[in-house]
Amino acid sequence: MEQKNNQTIDDMAAQWAARSLSGELSATEAAELETWLAINSAHRAAFDSFIETAEAASDAGDAAAAEALERDLYEFARTDASRKRWIIATPAIAASIAAFAYFTVSLFTTSVTPTRFVTQKGERTDIALADGSIVSLNTDSELTFTQSGGERHAVLVSGEAMFDVTRDVERPFVVTTPSAEVRVLGTRFNVRNLSGAAVVSVLSGVVQVGASDLRPRQSDARETTLIAGQQAVVTNDAAAPQVTEFNPDTVVSWRSGKAFYENEMLANVVEDLNRYFAAKIELADPALNDIRVTGGFDLNDQAVAIEALTVALSLRAETQSPTLILLYRDG
């Protein structure tokens, strides 16, 4: 691969990184890459920077940017051999890598006083904290973050969030909700606020879960240690969390704009879906509450989600107003 006069080192580095990550780098191209990297240290530094940024896309930053990068790499890799030259195929890939790098850096936040993050209905966002941790904030949620010398402290005021915490044995990461307190050194876990309770689901690592200081602490309240694959429900009126196993794909599917339920009551499904849409869904007949629901639903389009519900459960939807949709038993 010859370097064109109008291409900067960063352009070439992004193109080589994209080619390497596509999985289609030939032996000849690998030799060309080594030759290019050996020209000077600036080539190596630029290439390493793009590789690190691209690999971080699966774990940090904006999910849409990561998906766009993966799509661009796939499309490039599947083109025929005559088109596998950088001058044609890689501008979009390089742009995706550069855009992701800019997005990640621009969101890093140093917090001495509490920093507040809020999402509206239907909105989801990823937040890169100053310690390197990533918080994925779900719809209709509020979170504050404070970082001091001895502790990193997030308060999930409402809603739901997934935490990917950078390990730091000197500074524990604490998440507080109205019902629960979660303490970790470094791991991935999801926390969801419910009325009078919180659900903590551990995706990797180990966490300590107990009662929150934001509610009256019972004299016999106990902490529980959770490992990956375990989920705890912490209620305001229970001394110890209730621990069960869970399906990770179901718990964090909201990050990809989907909601999955397994044998869940229709009343609970409707309550959950209402977190994502402006128009509220209600069941016209209380007898519908206990109908069991298993399946996936689109969180980006309410009409599609309602159609899936009505077809699967033989229901009928009637729009009463721009803010209210009623579900009836069909027929």
Foldseek 3Di string as FASTA:
>chain_A
DDDDPPDDLLNVLLLVLLQVVLVQQDPVNVVVLVVQCPPDVVNVVSNVVLNVQLVCQVPAFAVVLNVQLNVLSPVQNPDDPVQNDCVRRPPSNSVSSVVSVVRQVVQEDAAADKDKDFAAFQDWGWGQYNVRKIKIFFFGWMKIWHDDQQETEMEGAAAKIKIFFDADPRYWYWYAYLFKIKIDRGAIWMWHDDVQKIKIAGQADKIKMWTGPNADQDPQADIDIDHHQKMWIGGNPDRYTDIDGDDVCQVPVVSVQKHFDDFDFPLVVQVVLQSRDQAHEDEPDPVSRRDTDGDMAGSNDVVRRVVVVCVVQQWDWDDPDPRYIYIGRHD
